[in-house]
Amino acid sequence: MNSRQRRGVILLLLSVVCALGAFAGVLSVISDVKSKVGPEVTAYRLKSDVPPYTTLSTGQFEKIKMPERWLSDNAVTDLREIQGKIAVTTLEAGSLLQSDMIVRQPALQPGQQEVAIMIDSATGVAGKITPGAAVNVYATFEGAREGDPDQSKIIVTNAKVLDVGELTALKPDEGNRTQQPTDAVPITFALSALDAQRITYAESFAKRVRLALVAPGSDTTVPERDRTYELAKDK
């Protein structure tokens, strides 16, 4: 091997060493970045300001991704945590949702009563009625006298659901051999004294009681003239 060949081999070896050094440097940088950033996790940021004592809903937040190491220990990473909860203070737009910003909504307000009724599973909003939800309660009554039309009435608007029980099989009334066994769910409401009377009356005397789930933030005001429906008067 002559001197020119030896110089070539030496330069080749130096090139390999430099390449290995550069590769090691890149790996070191990547490792350093990973150690500073780490894996990303889900967090939730407020879209707009939320006044204190406001009931929280999923629509008030946007889902974001951020490094786990930058997330505080009390950050909310699952929006199921806001069910049945309200804001403690004003929540500002752009801030990350944290568990110390929210508290469970009081079950009963002054003047309210807790009342539970059985709702036929076929006439409720299957699987969508949850604690904290608001519903309108509809009841269908037979005519007061023979020949009078049946009526559908809105008994209670914006009834607050406190609890949803387990599905229960109901037996037919004794002496009524044509009635089939039904499945019902006990649902507990927070209601005023008058609304509590209305809903228990409907459970006892109505042919059927239905729940209509109200969208969060919807206007649940129903004029008195629109609370009773008869098919014959439908224009």
Protein backbone atom coordinates (compact mmCIF):
# COMPACT_ATOMS: atom_id res chain seq x y z
CA MET A 1 0.00 0.00 0.00
CA ASN A 2 1.56 3.26 -1.09
CA SER A 3 1.36 6.60 0.74
CA ARG A 4 -1.54 7.87 -1.41
CA GLN A 5 -3.62 4.79 -0.56
CA ARG A 6 -2.79 5.13 3.13
CA ARG A 7 -3.96 8.76 3.10
CA GLY A 8 -7.20 7.66 1.44
CA VAL A 9 -7.86 5.02 4.08
CA ILE A 10 -7.12 7.51 6.87
CA LEU A 11 -9.50 10.10 5.37
CA LEU A 12 -12.18 7.44 4.99
CA LEU A 13 -11.83 6.42 8.62
CA LEU A 14 -11.98 10.07 9.71
CA SER A 15 -15.17 10.52 7.66
CA VAL A 16 -16.77 7.51 9.35
CA VAL A 17 -15.79 8.80 12.80
CA CYS A 18 -17.22 12.24 12.01
CA ALA A 19 -20.46 10.69 10.72
CA LEU A 20 -20.80 8.61 13.88
CA GLY A 21 -20.16 11.69 15.98
CA ALA A 22 -22.81 13.68 14.11
CA PHE A 23 -25.31 10.81 14.46
CA ALA A 24 -24.61 10.62 18.20
CA GLY A 25 -25.16 14.38 18.45
CA VAL A 26 -28.54 14.13 16.71
CA LEU A 27 -29.61 11.31 19.05
CA SER A 28 -28.53 13.40 22.03
CA VAL A 29 -30.61 16.37 20.84
CA ILE A 30 -33.67 14.17 20.25
CA SER A 31 -33.27 12.60 23.68
CA ASP A 32 -32.97 16.02 25.27
CA VAL A 33 -36.12 17.27 23.52
CA LYS A 34 -38.06 14.21 24.60
CA SER A 35 -36.93 14.62 28.16
CA LYS A 36 -38.13 18.25 28.13
CA VAL A 37 -41.43 17.67 26.31
CA GLY A 38 -42.41 14.08 27.11
CA PRO A 39 -45.65 12.33 26.08
CA GLU A 40 -48.72 14.45 25.30
CA VAL A 41 -51.99 14.19 27.21
CA THR A 42 -55.52 15.55 26.81
CA ALA A 43 -56.60 18.74 28.57
CA TYR A 44 -59.58 21.09 28.22
CA ARG A 45 -59.56 24.83 27.68
CA LEU A 46 -62.48 27.24 28.17
CA LYS A 47 -63.93 28.69 24.97
CA SER A 48 -65.44 31.72 26.71
CA ASP A 49 -65.95 33.20 30.18
CA VAL A 50 -68.24 31.20 32.48
CA PRO A 51 -69.97 33.10 35.33
CA PRO A 52 -69.78 31.68 38.87
CA TYR A 53 -72.39 29.08 39.92
CA THR A 54 -73.14 28.26 36.27
CA THR A 55 -73.90 24.63 35.48
CA LEU A 56 -71.10 23.26 33.31
CA SER A 57 -71.56 21.52 29.95
CA THR A 58 -69.17 19.95 27.43
CA GLY A 59 -69.88 22.67 24.88
CA GLN A 60 -68.08 25.25 27.03
CA PHE A 61 -64.69 23.57 26.53
CA GLU A 62 -62.35 22.68 23.71
CA LYS A 63 -60.07 19.64 23.71
CA ILE A 64 -56.32 20.27 23.40
CA LYS A 65 -53.09 18.27 23.60
CA MET A 66 -50.12 19.32 25.72
CA PRO A 67 -46.99 17.74 27.27
CA GLU A 68 -47.84 15.74 30.38
CA ARG A 69 -45.01 17.31 32.39
CA TRP A 70 -46.51 20.79 31.86
CA LEU A 71 -49.95 19.76 33.11
CA SER A 72 -50.83 20.50 36.74
CA ASP A 73 -51.79 17.63 39.02
CA ASN A 74 -55.37 18.92 39.39
CA ALA A 75 -56.01 19.48 35.66
CA VAL A 76 -59.21 17.87 34.34
CA THR A 77 -58.42 15.35 31.60
CA ASP A 78 -61.87 13.73 31.34
CA LEU A 79 -65.00 15.86 30.83
CA ARG A 80 -67.13 13.30 32.66
CA GLU A 81 -65.79 15.00 35.80
CA ILE A 82 -67.96 18.09 35.14
CA GLN A 83 -71.29 16.22 35.26
CA GLY A 84 -73.53 17.75 37.91
CA LYS A 85 -70.97 20.44 38.79
CA ILE A 86 -70.91 24.23 38.72
CA ALA A 87 -68.20 26.90 38.47
CA VAL A 88 -66.83 28.11 41.81
CA THR A 89 -65.78 31.52 40.47
CA THR A 90 -65.65 33.21 37.07
CA LEU A 91 -63.83 30.87 34.67
CA GLU A 92 -61.90 32.92 32.10
CA ALA A 93 -61.69 32.09 28.41
CA GLY A 94 -58.46 30.35 27.43
CA SER A 95 -57.71 28.98 30.89
CA LEU A 96 -57.24 25.25 31.47
CA LEU A 97 -59.98 23.50 33.43
CA GLN A 98 -58.83 22.34 36.87
CA SER A 99 -60.67 20.39 39.54
CA ASP A 100 -60.43 23.21 42.09
CA MET A 101 -62.43 25.47 39.74
CA ILE A 102 -65.60 23.38 40.06
CA VAL A 103 -67.77 21.89 42.79
CA ARG A 104 -70.75 19.54 42.86
CA GLN A 105 -74.02 21.38 42.42
CA PRO A 106 -76.17 21.43 45.58
CA ALA A 107 -78.88 18.80 45.30
CA LEU A 108 -81.71 21.03 46.48
CA GLN A 109 -82.22 24.79 46.29
CA PRO A 110 -84.28 26.64 48.92
CA GLY A 111 -87.96 25.86 48.45
CA GLN A 112 -87.34 22.65 46.49
CA GLN A 113 -88.31 19.09 47.35
CA GLU A 114 -86.78 15.80 46.32
CA VAL A 115 -89.30 13.49 44.69
CA ALA A 116 -88.86 10.20 42.82
CA ILE A 117 -91.23 8.55 40.33
CA MET A 118 -91.05 5.43 38.20
CA ILE A 119 -90.67 6.10 34.48
CA ASP A 120 -91.38 3.40 31.91
CA SER A 121 -88.02 2.72 30.21
CA ALA A 122 -89.74 2.76 26.80
CA THR A 123 -91.05 6.30 27.27
CA GLY A 124 -87.98 7.93 28.80
CA VAL A 125 -84.93 9.04 26.85
CA ALA A 126 -83.13 5.71 27.02
CA GLY A 127 -79.58 6.02 28.34
CA LYS A 128 -79.49 9.81 27.92
CA ILE A 129 -81.09 10.94 31.18
CA THR A 130 -78.27 11.48 33.67
CA PRO A 131 -77.94 13.33 36.99
CA GLY A 132 -77.77 17.05 36.32
CA ALA A 133 -79.91 16.86 33.17
CA ALA A 134 -83.01 19.01 32.68
CA VAL A 135 -86.21 17.50 31.26
CA ASN A 136 -89.74 18.47 30.38
CA VAL A 137 -92.37 16.06 31.72
CA TYR A 138 -95.29 15.17 29.45
CA ALA A 139 -98.39 13.22 30.54
CA THR A 140 -101.28 11.81 28.50
CA PHE A 141 -104.73 11.72 30.13
CA GLU A 142 -107.99 10.14 29.04
CA GLY A 143 -110.97 12.42 28.52
CA ALA A 144 -112.83 13.32 31.72
CA ARG A 145 -116.11 11.95 30.33
CA GLU A 146 -116.99 9.38 27.71
CA GLY A 147 -116.51 10.93 24.30
CA ASP A 148 -114.10 13.59 25.53
CA PRO A 149 -110.78 13.58 23.64
CA ASP A 150 -107.57 12.38 25.21
CA GLN A 151 -105.12 15.15 26.06
CA SER A 152 -101.36 15.46 26.22
CA LYS A 153 -100.13 17.97 28.80
CA ILE A 154 -96.77 19.43 29.72
CA ILE A 155 -96.86 18.89 33.47
CA VAL A 156 -93.45 20.30 34.44
CA THR A 157 -90.79 22.19 32.49
CA ASN A 158 -87.05 22.17 33.16
CA ALA A 159 -87.24 19.55 35.90
CA LYS A 160 -83.77 18.98 37.38
CA VAL A 161 -82.72 15.31 37.55
CA LEU A 162 -80.86 14.42 40.77
CA ASP A 163 -80.50 10.68 40.34
CA VAL A 164 -81.29 7.83 37.94
CA GLY A 165 -81.85 4.44 39.55
CA GLU A 166 -81.52 0.89 38.29
CA LEU A 167 -83.86 -0.67 35.74
CA THR A 168 -86.64 -2.51 37.59
CA ALA A 169 -89.24 -4.98 36.32
CA LEU A 170 -92.78 -3.94 37.30
CA LYS A 171 -95.56 -6.47 37.77
CA PRO A 172 -99.00 -5.88 36.23
CA ASP A 173 -101.73 -4.52 38.49
CA GLU A 174 -103.72 -7.25 40.19
CA GLY A 175 -106.90 -8.00 38.29
CA ASN A 176 -105.59 -6.54 35.04
CA ARG A 177 -104.75 -9.65 33.05
CA THR A 178 -104.22 -7.77 29.78
CA GLN A 179 -101.43 -5.56 31.12
CA GLN A 180 -97.95 -6.78 30.28
CA PRO A 181 -95.01 -6.52 32.72
CA THR A 182 -92.91 -3.43 32.03
CA ASP A 183 -89.45 -2.20 32.92
CA ALA A 184 -89.20 1.13 34.72
CA VAL A 185 -86.48 3.36 36.10
CA PRO A 186 -86.80 5.40 39.31
CA ILE A 187 -85.84 8.99 38.57
CA THR A 188 -85.38 11.55 41.34
CA PHE A 189 -86.12 15.23 40.69
CA ALA A 190 -85.55 18.50 42.53
CA LEU A 191 -88.89 20.33 42.28
CA SER A 192 -90.94 23.07 43.84
CA ALA A 193 -93.85 21.93 46.03
CA LEU A 194 -96.36 22.60 43.23
CA ASP A 195 -94.33 20.80 40.55
CA ALA A 196 -93.85 17.86 42.94
CA GLN A 197 -97.65 17.60 43.24
CA ARG A 198 -98.05 17.81 39.47
CA ILE A 199 -95.53 15.09 38.72
CA THR A 200 -96.85 12.67 41.38
CA TYR A 201 -100.41 13.25 40.13
CA ALA A 202 -99.30 12.43 36.60
CA GLU A 203 -97.55 9.26 37.76
CA SER A 204 -100.75 8.12 39.53
CA PHE A 205 -103.44 9.06 37.00
CA ALA A 206 -101.90 9.59 33.56
CA LYS A 207 -102.04 6.86 30.92
CA ARG A 208 -98.42 7.55 30.09
CA VAL A 209 -95.64 9.83 31.37
CA ARG A 210 -92.78 10.82 29.09
CA LEU A 211 -89.56 12.75 29.59
CA ALA A 212 -88.13 15.09 26.97
CA LEU A 213 -84.45 15.91 27.40
CA VAL A 214 -83.77 19.66 27.26
CA ALA A 215 -80.59 20.87 25.54
CA PRO A 216 -78.27 22.83 27.86
CA GLY A 217 -78.93 26.56 27.65
CA SER A 218 -82.30 26.13 25.90
CA ASP A 219 -85.27 28.34 26.71
CA THR A 220 -87.72 26.00 28.44
CA THR A 221 -90.52 28.55 28.81
CA VAL A 222 -93.77 27.15 27.38
CA PRO A 223 -96.83 29.46 27.10
CA GLU A 224 -99.90 28.22 28.95
CA ARG A 225 -101.85 27.90 25.68
CA ASP A 226 -99.24 25.45 24.35
CA ARG A 227 -99.16 23.18 27.40
CA THR A 228 -102.23 21.13 26.37
CA TYR A 229 -102.57 19.27 23.08
CA GLU A 230 -105.60 17.64 21.46
CA LEU A 231 -105.42 15.98 18.08
CA ALA A 232 -108.76 17.48 16.96
CA LYS A 233 -107.47 21.01 17.55
CA ASP A 234 -104.21 20.48 15.66
CA LYS A 235 -104.20 22.80 12.66
